[in-house]
N, C-alpha and C. Protein backbone atom coordinates (compact mmCIF):
# COMPACT_ATOMS: atom_id res chain seq x y z
N UNK A 1 11.25 -2.01 -33.21
CA UNK A 1 10.47 -1.85 -31.96
C UNK A 1 10.20 -2.33 -30.15
N UNK A 2 10.72 -0.73 -29.76
CA UNK A 2 10.77 -1.62 -28.30
C UNK A 2 10.06 -1.63 -27.49
N UNK A 3 10.37 -2.06 -26.26
CA UNK A 3 8.80 -2.56 -25.87
C UNK A 3 8.48 -0.80 -24.43
N UNK A 4 7.07 -1.08 -23.77
CA UNK A 4 6.66 0.24 -23.84
C UNK A 4 6.40 -0.31 -22.47
N UNK A 5 7.10 0.99 -21.72
CA UNK A 5 7.54 0.93 -19.90
C UNK A 5 5.86 1.03 -19.43
N UNK A 6 5.29 -0.03 -18.60
CA UNK A 6 4.07 0.53 -17.88
C UNK A 6 3.92 1.61 -16.86
N UNK A 7 3.38 2.16 -16.91
CA UNK A 7 3.42 2.89 -15.01
C UNK A 7 3.02 2.28 -14.38
N UNK A 8 3.63 2.59 -13.90
CA UNK A 8 3.42 2.07 -12.29
C UNK A 8 3.82 3.06 -11.32
N UNK A 9 3.07 3.11 -9.83
CA UNK A 9 2.94 3.95 -8.99
C UNK A 9 3.45 2.79 -7.00
N UNK A 10 4.49 3.46 -6.86
CA UNK A 10 4.81 2.65 -5.21
C UNK A 10 4.05 3.03 -4.67
N UNK A 11 3.31 2.51 -3.92
CA UNK A 11 2.48 3.06 -2.25
C UNK A 11 3.01 2.36 -1.15
N UNK A 12 2.34 3.01 0.24
CA UNK A 12 2.39 2.54 1.51
C UNK A 12 1.23 2.16 2.08
N UNK A 13 1.05 0.53 2.55
CA UNK A 13 0.07 0.68 3.37
C UNK A 13 -0.28 0.66 4.66
N UNK A 14 -0.98 1.48 5.01
CA UNK A 14 -1.30 2.00 6.86
C UNK A 14 -1.87 1.78 7.53
N UNK A 15 -1.51 1.46 8.34
CA UNK A 15 -2.16 0.60 9.53
C UNK A 15 -3.20 1.48 10.61
N UNK A 16 -4.41 0.96 10.11
CA UNK A 16 -5.32 2.29 10.94
C UNK A 16 -5.77 2.72 11.86
N UNK A 17 -4.65 1.59 13.25
CA UNK A 17 -4.98 1.88 14.48
C UNK A 17 -3.82 2.53 14.43
N UNK A 18 -2.43 1.87 14.68
CA UNK A 18 -1.23 2.67 14.90
C UNK A 18 -0.51 3.37 14.05
N UNK A 19 -0.68 3.65 12.59
CA UNK A 19 -0.30 4.31 11.15
C UNK A 19 0.65 4.42 11.31
N UNK A 20 1.47 3.43 11.26
CA UNK A 20 2.94 2.71 10.82
C UNK A 20 3.08 2.06 9.24
N UNK A 21 3.61 2.50 9.05
CA UNK A 21 3.55 2.40 6.96
C UNK A 21 4.05 1.22 6.98
N UNK A 22 3.45 0.02 7.01
CA UNK A 22 4.36 -1.29 7.40
C UNK A 22 4.10 -2.76 6.28
N UNK A 23 3.37 -1.86 4.63
CA UNK A 23 3.88 -2.26 3.63
C UNK A 23 4.13 -1.47 2.06
N UNK A 24 5.06 -1.94 1.38
CA UNK A 24 4.91 -1.22 0.09
C UNK A 24 4.58 -1.94 -1.24
N UNK A 25 3.24 -1.42 -1.72
CA UNK A 25 3.12 -2.16 -3.35
C UNK A 25 3.23 -1.45 -4.10
N UNK A 26 3.75 -2.37 -5.54
CA UNK A 26 4.07 -1.38 -6.81
C UNK A 26 2.50 -1.85 -7.36
N UNK A 27 2.01 -0.67 -7.67
CA UNK A 27 0.71 -1.18 -8.98
C UNK A 27 -0.05 -0.03 -9.92
N UNK A 28 -0.78 -0.54 -10.98
CA UNK A 28 -0.94 0.80 -12.06
C UNK A 28 -0.95 1.83 -11.44
N UNK A 29 -1.05 3.15 -12.06
CA UNK A 29 -1.41 4.51 -11.84
C UNK A 29 -2.96 4.50 -11.47
N UNK A 30 -3.72 5.21 -10.78
CA UNK A 30 -5.11 5.10 -10.82
C UNK A 30 -5.92 4.03 -9.97
N UNK A 31 -7.14 4.48 -10.32
CA UNK A 31 -7.96 3.25 -9.98
C UNK A 31 -8.17 3.81 -8.17
N UNK A 32 -8.95 2.61 -7.14
CA UNK A 32 -9.62 3.25 -5.90
C UNK A 32 -8.70 3.04 -4.41
N UNK A 33 -8.60 3.90 -3.83
CA UNK A 33 -7.80 2.94 -2.66
C UNK A 33 -7.45 1.73 -2.41
N UNK A 34 -6.75 1.32 -1.65
CA UNK A 34 -7.11 0.05 -1.74
C UNK A 34 -7.04 -0.16 -0.15
N UNK A 35 -8.08 -1.05 0.76
CA UNK A 35 -7.63 -1.53 2.14
C UNK A 35 -7.75 -2.87 2.12
N UNK A 36 -7.13 -3.10 3.38
CA UNK A 36 -6.23 -4.28 3.17
C UNK A 36 -6.90 -5.09 4.34
N UNK A 37 -6.91 -5.88 4.65
CA UNK A 37 -6.99 -6.60 6.02
C UNK A 37 -5.12 -7.36 5.66
N UNK A 38 -4.08 -6.94 7.04
CA UNK A 38 -2.14 -6.64 6.46
C UNK A 38 -1.90 -7.54 8.43
N UNK A 39 -1.67 -7.97 9.17
CA UNK A 39 -0.83 -8.62 9.82
C UNK A 39 0.33 -7.30 9.99
N UNK A 40 -0.10 -6.57 11.44
CA UNK A 40 0.30 -5.55 12.35
C UNK A 40 1.57 -5.97 12.58
N UNK A 41 2.77 -6.03 12.65
CA UNK A 41 3.67 -6.79 13.92
C UNK A 41 3.89 -5.78 15.20
N UNK A 42 3.40 -4.97 15.22
CA UNK A 42 3.11 -3.49 16.53
C UNK A 42 2.07 -4.23 17.37
N UNK A 43 1.42 -4.52 16.70
CA UNK A 43 -0.27 -4.96 17.58
C UNK A 43 -0.42 -7.13 18.04
N UNK A 44 0.22 -7.07 16.90
CA UNK A 44 0.33 -8.77 16.51
C UNK A 44 -0.33 -9.29 16.50
N UNK A 45 -1.54 -8.38 15.37
CA UNK A 45 -2.99 -9.11 15.37
C UNK A 45 -3.12 -8.14 13.33
N UNK A 46 -4.11 -9.26 12.64
CA UNK A 46 -4.31 -8.46 11.44
C UNK A 46 -5.81 -6.95 11.26
N UNK A 47 -5.56 -6.11 10.84
CA UNK A 47 -5.80 -4.95 10.79
C UNK A 47 -5.75 -4.76 9.81
N UNK A 48 -7.10 -4.01 9.51
CA UNK A 48 -7.03 -2.70 8.07
C UNK A 48 -5.74 -1.89 7.85
N UNK A 49 -5.22 -2.35 7.06
CA UNK A 49 -4.70 -1.14 6.24
C UNK A 49 -5.15 -0.76 4.80
N UNK A 50 -4.89 0.97 4.95
CA UNK A 50 -5.02 1.87 4.01
C UNK A 50 -4.23 1.85 3.20
N UNK A 51 -4.24 2.65 1.78
CA UNK A 51 -3.65 2.95 0.65
C UNK A 51 -3.34 4.37 1.40
N UNK A 52 -1.02 4.71 1.89
CA UNK A 52 -1.19 6.35 1.93
C UNK A 52 0.33 6.93 0.52
N UNK A 53 0.09 7.43 0.49
CA UNK A 53 1.00 7.69 -0.72
C UNK A 53 2.74 8.79 0.68
N UNK A 54 3.94 8.35 0.09
CA UNK A 54 4.80 9.04 0.79
C UNK A 54 4.64 10.15 0.14
N UNK A 55 5.22 11.15 0.78
CA UNK A 55 5.44 12.91 0.93
C UNK A 55 6.77 12.80 1.39
């Protein structure tokens, strides 16, 4: 019996104020969109980042 592969997706966290894609995250498929307070290097402060998929 072999190991089963878990389904993961790579998503990007984009700053709501500047639109920059600052972070990448690997997470399980599905679920709600992430909204996290993360550091924005351009603005040099913490801002809200939302999940985006790169196309």
